[in-house]
């Protein structure tokens, strides 16, 4: 299972994209900007992307990726972790098989 301690801090995520993997499930946490309801302001959102190993996010086709967006906050990070764990728990054999596709 992916745990909160496995994902870097909010200050790190503000400056860089974080990638990781768990048993064949590759993932990425990235801050993106979306238009805000306030004119001229952007809202920071957290985009969490998941895909099968062995390739990097850039080398994986878009149709093989799954994404969610959450508020860029501690709660958003926790929701992303929960989503990733649910993906893995729903199809553990798929992810384990992907881990061996080198």
Protein backbone atom coordinates (compact mmCIF):
# COMPACT_ATOMS: atom_id res chain seq x y z
CA UNK A 1 0.00 0.00 0.00
CA UNK A 2 1.09 3.54 -0.71
CA UNK A 3 1.27 5.61 2.45
CA UNK A 4 1.49 9.34 3.09
CA UNK A 5 5.14 9.05 4.09
CA UNK A 6 5.88 7.74 0.57
CA UNK A 7 4.87 11.04 -1.07
CA UNK A 8 7.03 14.12 -0.63
CA UNK A 9 5.94 17.31 1.12
CA UNK A 10 3.74 20.14 -0.11
CA UNK A 11 6.73 22.52 -0.45
CA UNK A 12 8.46 19.94 -2.68
CA UNK A 13 5.34 19.40 -4.80
CA UNK A 14 5.02 23.18 -5.32
CA UNK A 15 8.38 23.13 -7.10
CA UNK A 16 8.65 19.70 -8.74
CA UNK A 17 6.67 16.75 -10.03
CA UNK A 18 6.87 13.60 -7.91
CA UNK A 19 6.83 10.14 -9.48
CA UNK A 20 6.78 6.77 -7.82
CA UNK A 21 5.63 3.20 -8.17
CA UNK A 22 4.10 0.41 -6.16
CA UNK A 23 4.06 -3.20 -7.37
CA UNK A 24 3.69 -2.29 -11.06
CA UNK A 25 1.46 0.75 -10.51
CA UNK A 26 3.36 3.85 -11.61
CA UNK A 27 2.12 7.25 -10.50
CA UNK A 28 2.80 10.96 -10.66
CA UNK A 29 1.75 13.90 -8.47
CA UNK A 30 1.95 17.26 -10.25
CA UNK A 31 0.67 20.74 -9.50
CA UNK A 32 -1.34 22.24 -12.34
CA UNK A 33 -3.09 25.60 -12.67
CA UNK A 34 -6.75 25.98 -13.46
CA UNK A 35 -8.67 29.21 -14.00
CA UNK A 36 -10.19 30.46 -10.77
CA UNK A 37 -13.58 32.07 -10.28
CA UNK A 38 -11.68 35.24 -9.40
CA UNK A 39 -10.76 37.16 -12.53
CA UNK A 40 -7.11 36.94 -13.47
CA UNK A 41 -6.21 34.35 -10.85
CA UNK A 42 -5.31 30.71 -11.25
CA UNK A 43 -6.07 27.97 -8.76
CA UNK A 44 -3.43 25.36 -7.97
CA UNK A 45 -4.74 21.82 -8.32
CA UNK A 46 -3.06 18.48 -7.75
CA UNK A 47 -3.17 16.12 -10.73
CA UNK A 48 -2.55 12.48 -9.90
CA UNK A 49 -1.80 10.19 -12.84
CA UNK A 50 -1.56 6.39 -12.78
CA UNK A 51 -0.34 3.95 -15.43
CA UNK A 52 1.14 0.47 -15.76
CA UNK A 53 4.86 -0.18 -15.45
CA UNK A 54 7.45 -0.40 -16.92
CA UNK A 55 7.53 2.90 -18.82
CA UNK A 56 7.74 6.50 -17.65
CA UNK A 57 4.74 8.79 -17.83
CA UNK A 58 6.11 10.53 -20.93
CA UNK A 59 6.71 7.20 -22.69
CA UNK A 60 3.21 5.87 -21.94
CA UNK A 61 0.36 6.64 -24.33
CA UNK A 62 -2.41 8.88 -23.02
CA UNK A 63 -5.08 6.21 -23.42
CA UNK A 64 -3.21 3.99 -20.93
CA UNK A 65 -3.18 6.66 -18.22
CA UNK A 66 -5.82 7.40 -15.60
CA UNK A 67 -6.05 10.83 -13.96
CA UNK A 68 -7.83 12.64 -11.19
CA UNK A 69 -7.58 16.22 -9.96
CA UNK A 70 -7.83 17.24 -6.35
CA UNK A 71 -7.33 20.38 -4.33
CA UNK A 72 -3.64 21.11 -3.80
CA UNK A 73 -3.58 20.48 -0.06
CA UNK A 74 -2.71 17.83 2.47
CA UNK A 75 -6.23 16.46 2.08
CA UNK A 76 -5.84 16.38 -1.71
CA UNK A 77 -2.62 14.38 -1.36
CA UNK A 78 -4.37 11.91 0.95
CA UNK A 79 -7.28 11.57 -1.49
CA UNK A 80 -4.81 10.87 -4.30
CA UNK A 81 -3.10 8.18 -2.24
CA UNK A 82 -6.48 6.59 -1.43
CA UNK A 83 -7.39 6.62 -5.14
CA UNK A 84 -4.11 4.95 -6.10
CA UNK A 85 -4.57 2.28 -3.44
CA UNK A 86 -8.11 1.59 -4.66
CA UNK A 87 -6.80 1.20 -8.23
CA UNK A 88 -4.22 -1.31 -7.05
CA UNK A 89 -6.65 -3.22 -4.83
CA UNK A 90 -9.22 -3.50 -7.65
CA UNK A 91 -6.78 -5.30 -9.99
CA UNK A 92 -3.68 -6.50 -8.11
CA UNK A 93 -2.83 -9.14 -10.71
CA UNK A 94 -2.84 -6.55 -13.51
CA UNK A 95 -0.35 -4.37 -11.66
CA UNK A 96 1.85 -7.28 -10.58
CA UNK A 97 1.98 -8.49 -14.20
CA UNK A 98 2.95 -5.01 -15.38
CA UNK A 99 5.87 -5.08 -12.93
CA UNK A 100 7.36 -8.03 -14.80
CA UNK A 101 7.00 -6.52 -18.31
CA UNK A 102 10.61 -5.38 -18.63
